[in-house]
Amino acid sequence: MEDADALGGMTVLVAGDDLGAVQAVRARLQALGADATALAGDADAIARAAVADPPAAVLALGGAEAALRLRLDPFGLDAGPPVIGVEAIAGGEDGVGLLAAWRLRALAERSALRVRQSEMEGVLAAQAVTRRRELEAARADTLRRLITAAGYRDDNTYEHTERVGQLAARLARGLGMPDREVSLIRQAAPLHDIGKIAIPDSILLKPGKLTDEEFEVVKTHAVLGARVLARGGSDLLETAETIARHHHERWDGGGYPDGLAGEAIPIAARLVHVADVFDILVHERPYKESWTVEAAALEIAGGAGTQFDPEAVGAFTALGPTGWSHPF
C-alpha cells in the first residue's frame, strides 16, 4: 500500500486545542489519502460538528480526547464516531506516518464492526421479542380454549373455573404475594380441573354419592391434568400444572395424589383448594344442593389446619362476603 492510499476514502476529523498542530496532522493525513478536516477550540462545538456529519474517526490531539469522548460517547456504548488519541497511533520516528495510518484505519474499522454488531443484536432482540409475543398469544389462545373445555366438562358452565381463578387471586393478594404471582394464579387457576376431561360422564355427572371405586377414578384427574399441562415452556403453564396436580392436597397430609402436607404443598395449590371448595359448596352440582354462603364460610374456617392452610383461610376470612363474590 502506497502512503497516499493508506487512508484512501476514510473521513477523519482532527481535533485539539492547538490550531497549528491540528492543521499539521490534517495535512499529514491528507497526504496519506484521508478526507481530513481540522477543528480546534471548544469541545462542545467540535462534538456538534462530529454528530452533524460523522467521520469514520475523530483523531484527538493533546488533552482533547477525554473531553470529546465524554460528549460523543458518554456511556461507552459506541454511540458516536470513535475518538482516538493521536498517541494511540503515532510513535517513534514514524510520527503520523504509514504505520500510524494503518493503526488509525484498524481502530476505526474495529469500532464500526462493534456498531454493526450492536445494531444486529438489536435487530435480533426485536425479532425475538416479536416471536415471544406471538408465542405468548398462541399460548394464551390455547389456554382460553382449555379453560372453556374444562369448565363445560365439569359442571356445564365455565363460570366455576373463572370464579375459582378470581377468588384464588384475591387470596394471593390478601397474603401480600407479588403482582406477578397473583396474575399467574389468576390465569392458571381456571385449569385446576382440566384432567376431568378424561373422567367418564357416568362418574363425573353421577347424581348422588360415588362408590369408592368411582371416587378413585375421579381422583386421577389431578395427575391427568398435570400431564396435559406438563412441559408447557412458560411460567403460566408451569403454575397451571402445579395447581392441577396439587389442589386436592390437604394441609394435614391426607389429600391426593402425593399426600403432601403443610408448606410442602405449593402455595398456589393451597389457595386454589380453598377457592375451589368454597365455590363448589355455594353452587349446585349434580350430586349436591348449594350451601348458603355463611354455611360454606364456616366450613372453610373449620378446615383451617386440617384440610386447608391456616394462612389461606385467614386471607379468605379477611375478605368477607363481599370479597368472596366480588369480581377480581
C-alpha atoms as a PDB file:
ATOM      1  CA  MET A   1       0.000   0.000   0.000  1.00  0.00           C
ATOM      2  CA  GLU A   2       1.471   3.363  -1.013  1.00  0.00           C
ATOM      3  CA  ASP A   3       1.497   6.186   1.537  1.00  0.00           C
ATOM      4  CA  ALA A   4      -1.049   8.157  -0.485  1.00  0.00           C
ATOM      5  CA  ASP A   5      -3.501   5.258  -0.428  1.00  0.00           C
ATOM      6  CA  ALA A   6      -3.145   4.190   3.210  1.00  0.00           C
ATOM      7  CA  LEU A   7      -6.216   6.154   4.289  1.00  0.00           C
ATOM      8  CA  GLY A   8      -7.935   6.389   0.920  1.00  0.00           C
ATOM      9  CA  GLY A   9     -11.689   7.009   1.218  1.00  0.00           C
ATOM     10  CA  MET A  10     -11.550   7.460   5.019  1.00  0.00           C
ATOM     11  CA  THR A  11     -13.019  10.606   6.603  1.00  0.00           C
ATOM     12  CA  VAL A  12     -11.160  11.874   9.667  1.00  0.00           C
ATOM     13  CA  LEU A  13     -11.857  14.849  11.918  1.00  0.00           C
ATOM     14  CA  VAL A  14      -8.666  16.101  13.547  1.00  0.00           C
ATOM     15  CA  ALA A  15      -9.430  17.998  16.748  1.00  0.00           C
ATOM     16  CA  GLY A  16      -7.482  19.664  19.525  1.00  0.00           C
ATOM     17  CA  ASP A  17      -6.689  22.881  21.318  1.00  0.00           C
ATOM     18  CA  ASP A  18      -3.726  23.936  19.176  1.00  0.00           C
ATOM     19  CA  LEU A  19      -4.859  25.013  15.708  1.00  0.00           C
ATOM     20  CA  GLY A  20      -1.363  24.794  14.262  1.00  0.00           C
ATOM     21  CA  ALA A  21      -0.830  21.242  15.486  1.00  0.00           C
ATOM     22  CA  VAL A  22      -4.293  20.187  14.287  1.00  0.00           C
ATOM     23  CA  GLN A  23      -3.667  21.590  10.811  1.00  0.00           C
ATOM     24  CA  ALA A  24      -0.262  19.912  10.595  1.00  0.00           C
ATOM     25  CA  VAL A  25      -1.738  16.491  11.408  1.00  0.00           C
ATOM     26  CA  ARG A  26      -4.586  17.100   8.953  1.00  0.00           C
ATOM     27  CA  ALA A  27      -2.060  17.820   6.225  1.00  0.00           C
ATOM     28  CA  ARG A  28      -0.204  14.602   7.009  1.00  0.00           C
ATOM     29  CA  LEU A  29      -3.448  12.560   6.937  1.00  0.00           C
ATOM     30  CA  GLN A  30      -4.422  14.117   3.630  1.00  0.00           C
ATOM     31  CA  ALA A  31      -1.052  13.089   2.255  1.00  0.00           C
ATOM     32  CA  LEU A  32      -1.910   9.547   3.352  1.00  0.00           C
ATOM     33  CA  GLY A  33      -5.179   9.684   1.374  1.00  0.00           C
ATOM     34  CA  ALA A  34      -7.669  10.672   4.075  1.00  0.00           C
ATOM     35  CA  ASP A  35     -10.512  13.142   3.643  1.00  0.00           C
ATOM     36  CA  ALA A  36      -9.392  15.089   6.708  1.00  0.00           C
ATOM     37  CA  THR A  37     -10.938  18.109   8.422  1.00  0.00           C
ATOM     38  CA  ALA A  38      -9.337  20.185  11.180  1.00  0.00           C
ATOM     39  CA  LEU A  39     -11.171  21.827  14.087  1.00  0.00           C
ATOM     40  CA  ALA A  40      -9.632  23.463  17.131  1.00  0.00           C
ATOM     41  CA  GLY A  41     -11.051  25.001  20.283  1.00  0.00           C
ATOM     42  CA  ASP A  42     -14.330  24.349  22.105  1.00  0.00           C
ATOM     43  CA  ALA A  43     -15.051  20.635  22.684  1.00  0.00           C
ATOM     44  CA  ASP A  44     -18.833  21.151  22.516  1.00  0.00           C
ATOM     45  CA  ALA A  45     -18.605  22.787  19.101  1.00  0.00           C
ATOM     46  CA  ILE A  46     -16.307  20.047  17.823  1.00  0.00           C
ATOM     47  CA  ALA A  47     -18.679  17.376  19.135  1.00  0.00           C
ATOM     48  CA  ARG A  48     -21.660  19.020  17.440  1.00  0.00           C
ATOM     49  CA  ALA A  49     -19.788  19.048  14.152  1.00  0.00           C
ATOM     50  CA  ALA A  50     -18.895  15.363  14.549  1.00  0.00           C
ATOM     51  CA  VAL A  51     -22.529  14.466  15.235  1.00  0.00           C
ATOM     52  CA  ALA A  52     -23.862  16.558  12.361  1.00  0.00           C
ATOM     53  CA  ASP A  53     -21.515  14.961   9.811  1.00  0.00           C
ATOM     54  CA  PRO A  54     -19.998  11.849  11.424  1.00  0.00           C
ATOM     55  CA  PRO A  55     -16.468  10.963  10.254  1.00  0.00           C
ATOM     56  CA  ALA A  56     -15.056   7.467  10.334  1.00  0.00           C
ATOM     57  CA  ALA A  57     -12.916   8.615  13.263  1.00  0.00           C
ATOM     58  CA  VAL A  58     -12.099  11.640  15.377  1.00  0.00           C
ATOM     59  CA  LEU A  59      -8.359  11.942  15.907  1.00  0.00           C
ATOM     60  CA  ALA A  60      -7.817  13.894  19.111  1.00  0.00           C
ATOM     61  CA  LEU A  61      -4.657  15.795  19.897  1.00  0.00           C
ATOM     62  CA  GLY A  62      -3.388  16.941  23.268  1.00  0.00           C
ATOM     63  CA  GLY A  63      -5.989  16.921  26.041  1.00  0.00           C
ATOM     64  CA  ALA A  64      -8.994  16.873  23.708  1.00  0.00           C
ATOM     65  CA  GLU A  65      -9.506  13.083  23.748  1.00  0.00           C
ATOM     66  CA  ALA A  66     -11.238  12.753  27.135  1.00  0.00           C
ATOM     67  CA  ALA A  67     -13.497  15.774  26.621  1.00  0.00           C
ATOM     68  CA  LEU A  68     -14.600  14.649  23.162  1.00  0.00           C
ATOM     69  CA  ARG A  69     -15.197  11.032  24.222  1.00  0.00           C
ATOM     70  CA  LEU A  70     -17.337  12.285  27.122  1.00  0.00           C
ATOM     71  CA  ARG A  71     -19.503  14.283  24.728  1.00  0.00           C
ATOM     72  CA  LEU A  72     -19.712  11.813  21.846  1.00  0.00           C
ATOM     73  CA  ASP A  73     -19.992   8.548  23.809  1.00  0.00           C
ATOM     74  CA  PRO A  74     -20.753   9.385  27.461  1.00  0.00           C
ATOM     75  CA  PHE A  75     -21.925   5.867  28.360  1.00  0.00           C
ATOM     76  CA  GLY A  76     -19.285   3.883  26.483  1.00  0.00           C
ATOM     77  CA  LEU A  77     -21.838   2.392  24.078  1.00  0.00           C
ATOM     78  CA  ASP A  78     -20.024   3.164  20.807  1.00  0.00           C
ATOM     79  CA  ALA A  79     -22.835   5.615  20.158  1.00  0.00           C
ATOM     80  CA  GLY A  80     -20.890   8.109  18.056  1.00  0.00           C
ATOM     81  CA  PRO A  81     -17.810   8.217  15.837  1.00  0.00           C
ATOM     82  CA  PRO A  82     -14.801   6.702  17.650  1.00  0.00           C
ATOM     83  CA  VAL A  83     -12.500   9.164  19.403  1.00  0.00           C
ATOM     84  CA  ILE A  84      -8.907   8.038  19.020  1.00  0.00           C
ATOM     85  CA  GLY A  85      -5.998   9.748  20.740  1.00  0.00           C
ATOM     86  CA  VAL A  86      -3.118  10.533  18.446  1.00  0.00           C
ATOM     87  CA  GLU A  87      -0.818   8.825  20.971  1.00  0.00           C
ATOM     88  CA  ALA A  88      -2.628   5.522  20.262  1.00  0.00           C
ATOM     89  CA  ILE A  89      -1.495   5.502  16.648  1.00  0.00           C
ATOM     90  CA  ALA A  90       1.645   7.634  16.374  1.00  0.00           C
ATOM     91  CA  GLY A  91       5.015   6.903  17.881  1.00  0.00           C
ATOM     92  CA  GLY A  92       8.717   6.735  17.242  1.00  0.00           C
ATOM     93  CA  GLU A  93      10.318   8.263  14.220  1.00  0.00           C
ATOM     94  CA  ASP A  94       7.298   7.439  12.044  1.00  0.00           C
ATOM     95  CA  GLY A  95       5.093  10.026  13.816  1.00  0.00           C
ATOM     96  CA  VAL A  96       1.828  10.284  11.893  1.00  0.00           C
ATOM     97  CA  GLY A  97       3.145   8.149   9.077  1.00  0.00           C
ATOM     98  CA  LEU A  98       2.264   4.914   7.300  1.00  0.00           C
ATOM     99  CA  LEU A  99       2.236   2.769  10.465  1.00  0.00           C
ATOM    100  CA  ALA A 100       0.020   5.318  12.203  1.00  0.00           C
ATOM    101  CA  ALA A 101      -2.314   5.280   9.199  1.00  0.00           C
ATOM    102  CA  TRP A 102      -2.698   1.507   9.431  1.00  0.00           C
ATOM    103  CA  ARG A 103      -3.387   1.740  13.144  1.00  0.00           C
ATOM    104  CA  LEU A 104      -5.939   4.507  12.645  1.00  0.00           C
ATOM    105  CA  ARG A 105      -7.803   2.561   9.973  1.00  0.00           C
ATOM    106  CA  ALA A 106      -7.754  -0.622  12.051  1.00  0.00           C
ATOM    107  CA  LEU A 107      -9.127   1.145  15.142  1.00  0.00           C
ATOM    108  CA  ALA A 108     -11.847   2.881  13.116  1.00  0.00           C
ATOM    109  CA  GLU A 109     -12.880  -0.336  11.395  1.00  0.00           C
ATOM    110  CA  ARG A 110     -12.979  -2.204  14.705  1.00  0.00           C
ATOM    111  CA  SER A 111     -15.264   0.472  16.100  1.00  0.00           C
ATOM    112  CA  ALA A 112     -17.510   0.272  13.037  1.00  0.00           C
ATOM    113  CA  LEU A 113     -17.725  -3.501  13.436  1.00  0.00           C
ATOM    114  CA  ARG A 114     -18.790  -3.081  17.065  1.00  0.00           C
ATOM    115  CA  VAL A 115     -21.508  -0.662  15.976  1.00  0.00           C
ATOM    116  CA  ARG A 116     -22.763  -3.062  13.299  1.00  0.00           C
ATOM    117  CA  GLN A 117     -22.683  -5.913  15.801  1.00  0.00           C
ATOM    118  CA  SER A 118     -24.693  -3.850  18.262  1.00  0.00           C
ATOM    119  CA  GLU A 119     -27.212  -2.950  15.568  1.00  0.00           C
ATOM    120  CA  MET A 120     -27.535  -6.609  14.550  1.00  0.00           C
ATOM    121  CA  GLU A 121     -28.031  -7.630  18.167  1.00  0.00           C
ATOM    122  CA  GLY A 122     -30.772  -5.013  18.419  1.00  0.00           C
ATOM    123  CA  VAL A 123     -32.483  -6.380  15.320  1.00  0.00           C
ATOM    124  CA  LEU A 124     -32.246  -9.945  16.626  1.00  0.00           C
ATOM    125  CA  ALA A 125     -33.552  -8.862  20.023  1.00  0.00           C
ATOM    126  CA  ALA A 126     -36.525  -7.143  18.390  1.00  0.00           C
ATOM    127  CA  GLN A 127     -37.232 -10.251  16.344  1.00  0.00           C
ATOM    128  CA  ALA A 128     -37.008 -12.377  19.481  1.00  0.00           C
ATOM    129  CA  VAL A 129     -39.479 -10.104  21.264  1.00  0.00           C
ATOM    130  CA  THR A 130     -41.869 -10.361  18.326  1.00  0.00           C
ATOM    131  CA  ARG A 131     -41.594 -14.157  18.255  1.00  0.00           C
ATOM    132  CA  ARG A 132     -42.067 -14.327  22.021  1.00  0.00           C
ATOM    133  CA  ARG A 133     -45.186 -12.177  21.809  1.00  0.00           C
ATOM    134  CA  GLU A 134     -46.568 -14.344  19.031  1.00  0.00           C
ATOM    135  CA  LEU A 135     -45.832 -17.468  21.060  1.00  0.00           C
ATOM    136  CA  GLU A 136     -47.425 -15.973  24.163  1.00  0.00           C
ATOM    137  CA  ALA A 137     -50.509 -15.000  22.153  1.00  0.00           C
ATOM    138  CA  ALA A 138     -50.776 -18.561  20.826  1.00  0.00           C
ATOM    139  CA  ARG A 139     -50.363 -19.969  24.316  1.00  0.00           C
ATOM    140  CA  ALA A 140     -52.982 -17.586  25.676  1.00  0.00           C
ATOM    141  CA  ASP A 141     -55.430 -18.684  22.978  1.00  0.00           C
ATOM    142  CA  THR A 142     -54.738 -22.351  23.748  1.00  0.00           C
ATOM    143  CA  LEU A 143     -55.158 -21.632  27.439  1.00  0.00           C
ATOM    144  CA  ARG A 144     -58.539 -19.966  26.879  1.00  0.00           C
ATOM    145  CA  ARG A 145     -59.703 -22.960  24.870  1.00  0.00           C
ATOM    146  CA  LEU A 146     -58.530 -25.380  27.547  1.00  0.00           C
ATOM    147  CA  ILE A 147     -60.279 -23.358  30.255  1.00  0.00           C
ATOM    148  CA  THR A 148     -63.511 -23.379  28.278  1.00  0.00           C
ATOM    149  CA  ALA A 149     -63.243 -27.129  27.689  1.00  0.00           C
ATOM    150  CA  ALA A 150     -62.502 -27.769  31.348  1.00  0.00           C
ATOM    151  CA  GLY A 151     -65.354 -25.567  32.502  1.00  0.00           C
ATOM    152  CA  TYR A 152     -68.036 -27.091  30.323  1.00  0.00           C
ATOM    153  CA  ARG A 153     -66.783 -30.593  31.080  1.00  0.00           C
ATOM    154  CA  ASP A 154     -67.046 -30.105  34.838  1.00  0.00           C
ATOM    155  CA  ASP A 155     -70.408 -28.501  35.561  1.00  0.00           C
ATOM    156  CA  ASN A 156     -71.785 -27.486  32.152  1.00  0.00           C
ATOM    157  CA  THR A 157     -70.522 -23.925  32.572  1.00  0.00           C
ATOM    158  CA  TYR A 158     -67.139 -22.231  32.528  1.00  0.00           C
ATOM    159  CA  GLU A 159     -68.194 -19.874  35.327  1.00  0.00           C
ATOM    160  CA  HIS A 160     -66.942 -22.151  38.126  1.00  0.00           C
ATOM    161  CA  THR A 161     -63.393 -22.132  36.760  1.00  0.00           C
ATOM    162  CA  GLU A 162     -63.444 -18.363  36.372  1.00  0.00           C
ATOM    163  CA  ARG A 163     -64.784 -17.817  39.897  1.00  0.00           C
ATOM    164  CA  VAL A 164     -62.104 -20.065  41.328  1.00  0.00           C
ATOM    165  CA  GLY A 165     -59.430 -18.098  39.468  1.00  0.00           C
ATOM    166  CA  GLN A 166     -60.784 -14.802  40.738  1.00  0.00           C
ATOM    167  CA  LEU A 167     -61.081 -15.893  44.357  1.00  0.00           C
ATOM    168  CA  ALA A 168     -57.682 -17.614  44.405  1.00  0.00           C
ATOM    169  CA  ALA A 169     -56.084 -14.428  43.076  1.00  0.00           C
ATOM    170  CA  ARG A 170     -57.802 -12.343  45.754  1.00  0.00           C
ATOM    171  CA  LEU A 171     -56.477 -14.727  48.396  1.00  0.00           C
ATOM    172  CA  ALA A 172     -52.975 -14.401  46.932  1.00  0.00           C
ATOM    173  CA  ARG A 173     -53.216 -10.634  47.049  1.00  0.00           C
ATOM    174  CA  GLY A 174     -54.519 -10.820  50.608  1.00  0.00           C
ATOM    175  CA  LEU A 175     -51.371 -12.731  51.565  1.00  0.00           C
ATOM    176  CA  GLY A 176     -49.233  -9.983  50.038  1.00  0.00           C
ATOM    177  CA  MET A 177     -47.897 -12.060  47.157  1.00  0.00           C
ATOM    178  CA  PRO A 178     -46.174 -10.152  44.313  1.00  0.00           C
ATOM    179  CA  ASP A 179     -48.374  -8.908  41.474  1.00  0.00           C
ATOM    180  CA  ARG A 180     -46.690 -11.292  39.024  1.00  0.00           C
ATOM    181  CA  GLU A 181     -47.590 -14.331  41.139  1.00  0.00           C
ATOM    182  CA  VAL A 182     -51.136 -13.038  41.704  1.00  0.00           C
ATOM    183  CA  SER A 183     -51.549 -12.700  37.938  1.00  0.00           C
ATOM    184  CA  LEU A 184     -50.172 -16.197  37.280  1.00  0.00           C
ATOM    185  CA  ILE A 185     -52.589 -17.702  39.806  1.00  0.00           C
ATOM    186  CA  ARG A 186     -55.498 -15.735  38.333  1.00  0.00           C
ATOM    187  CA  GLN A 187     -54.772 -17.077  34.844  1.00  0.00           C
ATOM    188  CA  ALA A 188     -53.717 -20.613  35.786  1.00  0.00           C
ATOM    189  CA  ALA A 189     -56.289 -21.489  38.455  1.00  0.00           C
ATOM    190  CA  PRO A 190     -59.179 -21.977  35.994  1.00  0.00           C
ATOM    191  CA  LEU A 191     -57.288 -25.007  34.651  1.00  0.00           C
ATOM    192  CA  HIS A 192     -57.263 -26.791  38.006  1.00  0.00           C
ATOM    193  CA  ASP A 193     -59.730 -29.477  36.859  1.00  0.00           C
ATOM    194  CA  ILE A 194     -58.600 -29.844  33.238  1.00  0.00           C
ATOM    195  CA  GLY A 195     -57.913 -33.525  33.964  1.00  0.00           C
ATOM    196  CA  LYS A 196     -61.649 -34.145  34.294  1.00  0.00           C
ATOM    197  CA  ILE A 197     -61.895 -34.241  30.524  1.00  0.00           C
ATOM    198  CA  ALA A 198     -60.706 -37.853  30.893  1.00  0.00           C
ATOM    199  CA  ILE A 199     -63.316 -38.829  33.509  1.00  0.00           C
ATOM    200  CA  PRO A 200     -66.427 -40.623  32.117  1.00  0.00           C
ATOM    201  CA  ASP A 201     -69.714 -38.730  32.282  1.00  0.00           C
ATOM    202  CA  SER A 202     -71.289 -41.635  34.113  1.00  0.00           C
ATOM    203  CA  ILE A 203     -68.995 -40.870  37.043  1.00  0.00           C
ATOM    204  CA  LEU A 204     -68.415 -37.143  36.723  1.00  0.00           C
ATOM    205  CA  LEU A 205     -72.094 -36.230  36.417  1.00  0.00           C
ATOM    206  CA  LYS A 206     -73.485 -39.000  38.561  1.00  0.00           C
ATOM    207  CA  PRO A 207     -76.214 -37.780  40.929  1.00  0.00           C
ATOM    208  CA  GLY A 208     -75.678 -38.911  44.484  1.00  0.00           C
ATOM    209  CA  LYS A 209     -72.689 -40.406  46.248  1.00  0.00           C
ATOM    210  CA  LEU A 210     -69.876 -42.069  44.338  1.00  0.00           C
ATOM    211  CA  THR A 211     -68.693 -45.552  45.157  1.00  0.00           C
ATOM    212  CA  ASP A 212     -65.147 -45.967  46.454  1.00  0.00           C
ATOM    213  CA  GLU A 213     -64.076 -47.267  43.049  1.00  0.00           C
ATOM    214  CA  GLU A 214     -65.687 -44.326  41.255  1.00  0.00           C
ATOM    215  CA  PHE A 215     -64.036 -41.854  43.596  1.00  0.00           C
ATOM    216  CA  GLU A 216     -60.644 -43.411  42.853  1.00  0.00           C
ATOM    217  CA  VAL A 217     -61.311 -42.776  39.162  1.00  0.00           C
ATOM    218  CA  VAL A 218     -62.221 -39.131  39.873  1.00  0.00           C
ATOM    219  CA  LYS A 219     -59.015 -38.686  41.867  1.00  0.00           C
ATOM    220  CA  THR A 220     -56.954 -39.482  38.788  1.00  0.00           C
ATOM    221  CA  HIS A 221     -57.935 -36.117  37.286  1.00  0.00           C
ATOM    222  CA  ALA A 222     -55.218 -34.361  39.300  1.00  0.00           C
ATOM    223  CA  VAL A 223     -52.378 -36.364  37.750  1.00  0.00           C
ATOM    224  CA  LEU A 224     -54.014 -36.413  34.316  1.00  0.00           C
ATOM    225  CA  GLY A 225     -54.444 -32.648  34.349  1.00  0.00           C
ATOM    226  CA  ALA A 226     -50.822 -32.142  35.323  1.00  0.00           C
ATOM    227  CA  ARG A 227     -49.759 -34.368  32.414  1.00  0.00           C
ATOM    228  CA  VAL A 228     -51.814 -32.319  29.974  1.00  0.00           C
ATOM    229  CA  LEU A 229     -50.078 -29.141  31.148  1.00  0.00           C
ATOM    230  CA  ALA A 230     -46.568 -30.548  31.624  1.00  0.00           C
ATOM    231  CA  ARG A 231     -43.582 -29.101  29.767  1.00  0.00           C
ATOM    232  CA  GLY A 232     -45.581 -26.095  28.651  1.00  0.00           C
ATOM    233  CA  GLY A 233     -42.469 -23.918  28.450  1.00  0.00           C
ATOM    234  CA  SER A 234     -43.857 -20.920  30.340  1.00  0.00           C
ATOM    235  CA  ASP A 235     -44.311 -19.757  33.929  1.00  0.00           C
ATOM    236  CA  LEU A 236     -48.045 -19.692  33.370  1.00  0.00           C
ATOM    237  CA  LEU A 237     -48.336 -23.309  32.285  1.00  0.00           C
ATOM    238  CA  GLU A 238     -45.908 -24.434  34.974  1.00  0.00           C
ATOM    239  CA  THR A 239     -48.139 -22.750  37.559  1.00  0.00           C
ATOM    240  CA  ALA A 240     -51.201 -24.366  35.989  1.00  0.00           C
ATOM    241  CA  GLU A 241     -49.508 -27.779  36.089  1.00  0.00           C
ATOM    242  CA  THR A 242     -48.649 -27.333  39.775  1.00  0.00           C
ATOM    243  CA  ILE A 243     -52.191 -26.273  40.646  1.00  0.00           C
ATOM    244  CA  ALA A 244     -53.786 -29.098  38.651  1.00  0.00           C
ATOM    245  CA  ARG A 245     -51.672 -31.727  40.416  1.00  0.00           C
ATOM    246  CA  HIS A 246     -51.808 -30.424  43.973  1.00  0.00           C
ATOM    247  CA  HIS A 247     -55.106 -28.579  44.517  1.00  0.00           C
ATOM    248  CA  HIS A 248     -56.540 -31.609  46.335  1.00  0.00           C
ATOM    249  CA  GLU A 249     -53.643 -31.982  48.764  1.00  0.00           C
ATOM    250  CA  ARG A 250     -54.598 -31.367  52.396  1.00  0.00           C
ATOM    251  CA  TRP A 251     -52.679 -29.380  54.990  1.00  0.00           C
ATOM    252  CA  ASP A 252     -52.651 -32.467  57.263  1.00  0.00           C
ATOM    253  CA  GLY A 253     -51.243 -34.722  54.520  1.00  0.00           C
ATOM    254  CA  GLY A 254     -54.455 -36.612  53.870  1.00  0.00           C
ATOM    255  CA  GLY A 255     -55.055 -35.388  50.343  1.00  0.00           C
ATOM    256  CA  TYR A 256     -54.101 -36.678  46.897  1.00  0.00           C
ATOM    257  CA  PRO A 257     -52.311 -37.523  44.660  1.00  0.00           C
ATOM    258  CA  ASP A 258     -48.997 -37.231  46.550  1.00  0.00           C
ATOM    259  CA  GLY A 259     -50.064 -36.914  50.182  1.00  0.00           C
ATOM    260  CA  LEU A 260     -48.138 -33.670  50.631  1.00  0.00           C
ATOM    261  CA  ALA A 261     -48.608 -31.791  53.884  1.00  0.00           C
ATOM    262  CA  GLY A 262     -48.178 -28.227  55.156  1.00  0.00           C
ATOM    263  CA  GLU A 263     -45.832 -25.944  53.274  1.00  0.00           C
ATOM    264  CA  ALA A 264     -44.673 -28.806  51.058  1.00  0.00           C
ATOM    265  CA  ILE A 265     -47.875 -28.116  49.133  1.00  0.00           C
ATOM    266  CA  PRO A 266     -47.228 -25.289  46.623  1.00  0.00           C
ATOM    267  CA  ILE A 267     -48.871 -22.064  47.804  1.00  0.00           C
ATOM    268  CA  ALA A 268     -50.816 -21.609  44.544  1.00  0.00           C
ATOM    269  CA  ALA A 269     -52.422 -25.029  45.013  1.00  0.00           C
ATOM    270  CA  ARG A 270     -53.263 -24.262  48.660  1.00  0.00           C
ATOM    271  CA  LEU A 271     -55.103 -21.109  47.644  1.00  0.00           C
ATOM    272  CA  VAL A 272     -56.959 -22.808  44.802  1.00  0.00           C
ATOM    273  CA  HIS A 273     -58.015 -25.576  47.195  1.00  0.00           C
ATOM    274  CA  VAL A 274     -59.799 -23.043  49.410  1.00  0.00           C
ATOM    275  CA  ALA A 275     -61.352 -21.201  46.450  1.00  0.00           C
ATOM    276  CA  ASP A 276     -62.437 -24.424  44.736  1.00  0.00           C
ATOM    277  CA  VAL A 277     -64.120 -25.952  47.796  1.00  0.00           C
ATOM    278  CA  PHE A 278     -65.914 -22.719  48.664  1.00  0.00           C
ATOM    279  CA  ASP A 279     -67.272 -22.275  45.139  1.00  0.00           C
ATOM    280  CA  ILE A 280     -68.417 -25.881  44.928  1.00  0.00           C
ATOM    281  CA  LEU A 281     -70.205 -25.573  48.269  1.00  0.00           C
ATOM    282  CA  VAL A 282     -72.176 -22.458  47.340  1.00  0.00           C
ATOM    283  CA  HIS A 283     -73.244 -23.712  43.897  1.00  0.00           C
ATOM    284  CA  GLU A 284     -75.465 -26.618  42.979  1.00  0.00           C
ATOM    285  CA  ARG A 285     -73.898 -29.719  41.436  1.00  0.00           C
ATOM    286  CA  PRO A 286     -75.494 -32.916  40.065  1.00  0.00           C
ATOM    287  CA  TYR A 287     -74.581 -34.659  43.309  1.00  0.00           C
ATOM    288  CA  LYS A 288     -75.418 -31.902  45.838  1.00  0.00           C
ATOM    289  CA  GLU A 289     -77.567 -28.912  46.680  1.00  0.00           C
ATOM    290  CA  SER A 290     -75.988 -25.498  47.122  1.00  0.00           C
ATOM    291  CA  TRP A 291     -74.997 -24.274  50.584  1.00  0.00           C
ATOM    292  CA  THR A 292     -75.548 -20.793  51.918  1.00  0.00           C
ATOM    293  CA  VAL A 293     -72.529 -18.507  51.807  1.00  0.00           C
ATOM    294  CA  GLU A 294     -72.495 -18.382  55.603  1.00  0.00           C
ATOM    295  CA  ALA A 295     -72.502 -22.171  55.964  1.00  0.00           C
ATOM    296  CA  ALA A 296     -69.768 -22.560  53.348  1.00  0.00           C
ATOM    297  CA  ALA A 297     -67.619 -19.916  55.065  1.00  0.00           C
ATOM    298  CA  LEU A 298     -67.963 -21.769  58.376  1.00  0.00           C
ATOM    299  CA  GLU A 299     -66.920 -24.985  56.646  1.00  0.00           C
ATOM    300  CA  ILE A 300     -63.806 -23.308  55.269  1.00  0.00           C
ATOM    301  CA  ALA A 301     -62.942 -21.798  58.655  1.00  0.00           C
ATOM    302  CA  GLY A 302     -63.451 -25.166  60.348  1.00  0.00           C
ATOM    303  CA  GLY A 303     -60.956 -26.799  57.995  1.00  0.00           C
ATOM    304  CA  ALA A 304     -58.061 -24.484  58.900  1.00  0.00           C
ATOM    305  CA  GLY A 305     -55.067 -26.534  59.970  1.00  0.00           C
ATOM    306  CA  THR A 306     -56.520 -29.833  58.765  1.00  0.00           C
ATOM    307  CA  GLN A 307     -57.866 -29.564  55.228  1.00  0.00           C
ATOM    308  CA  PHE A 308     -56.664 -26.048  54.483  1.00  0.00           C
ATOM    309  CA  ASP A 309     -53.610 -23.863  55.007  1.00  0.00           C
ATOM    310  CA  PRO A 310     -54.440 -21.696  58.071  1.00  0.00           C
ATOM    311  CA  GLU A 311     -52.973 -18.580  56.425  1.00  0.00           C
ATOM    312  CA  ALA A 312     -55.068 -19.160  53.309  1.00  0.00           C
ATOM    313  CA  VAL A 313     -58.148 -19.487  55.491  1.00  0.00           C
ATOM    314  CA  GLY A 314     -57.153 -16.290  57.277  1.00  0.00           C
ATOM    315  CA  ALA A 315     -56.957 -14.460  53.952  1.00  0.00           C
ATOM    316  CA  PHE A 316     -60.324 -15.930  52.997  1.00  0.00           C
ATOM    317  CA  THR A 317     -61.954 -14.799  56.247  1.00  0.00           C
ATOM    318  CA  ALA A 318     -60.464 -11.317  55.900  1.00  0.00           C
ATOM    319  CA  LEU A 319     -62.154 -10.899  52.507  1.00  0.00           C
ATOM    320  CA  GLY A 320     -65.641 -11.356  53.945  1.00  0.00           C
ATOM    321  CA  PRO A 321     -68.826 -11.932  51.915  1.00  0.00           C
ATOM    322  CA  THR A 322     -68.159  -9.074  49.504  1.00  0.00           C
ATOM    323  CA  GLY A 323     -64.648 -10.287  48.721  1.00  0.00           C
ATOM    324  CA  TRP A 324     -65.795 -13.888  48.232  1.00  0.00           C
ATOM    325  CA  SER A 325     -68.040 -12.985  45.338  1.00  0.00           C
ATOM    326  CA  HIS A 326     -66.829  -9.610  44.021  1.00  0.00           C
ATOM    327  CA  PRO A 327     -65.226  -9.748  40.541  1.00  0.00           C
ATOM    328  CA  PHE A 328     -61.425  -9.530  40.588  1.00  0.00           C
END
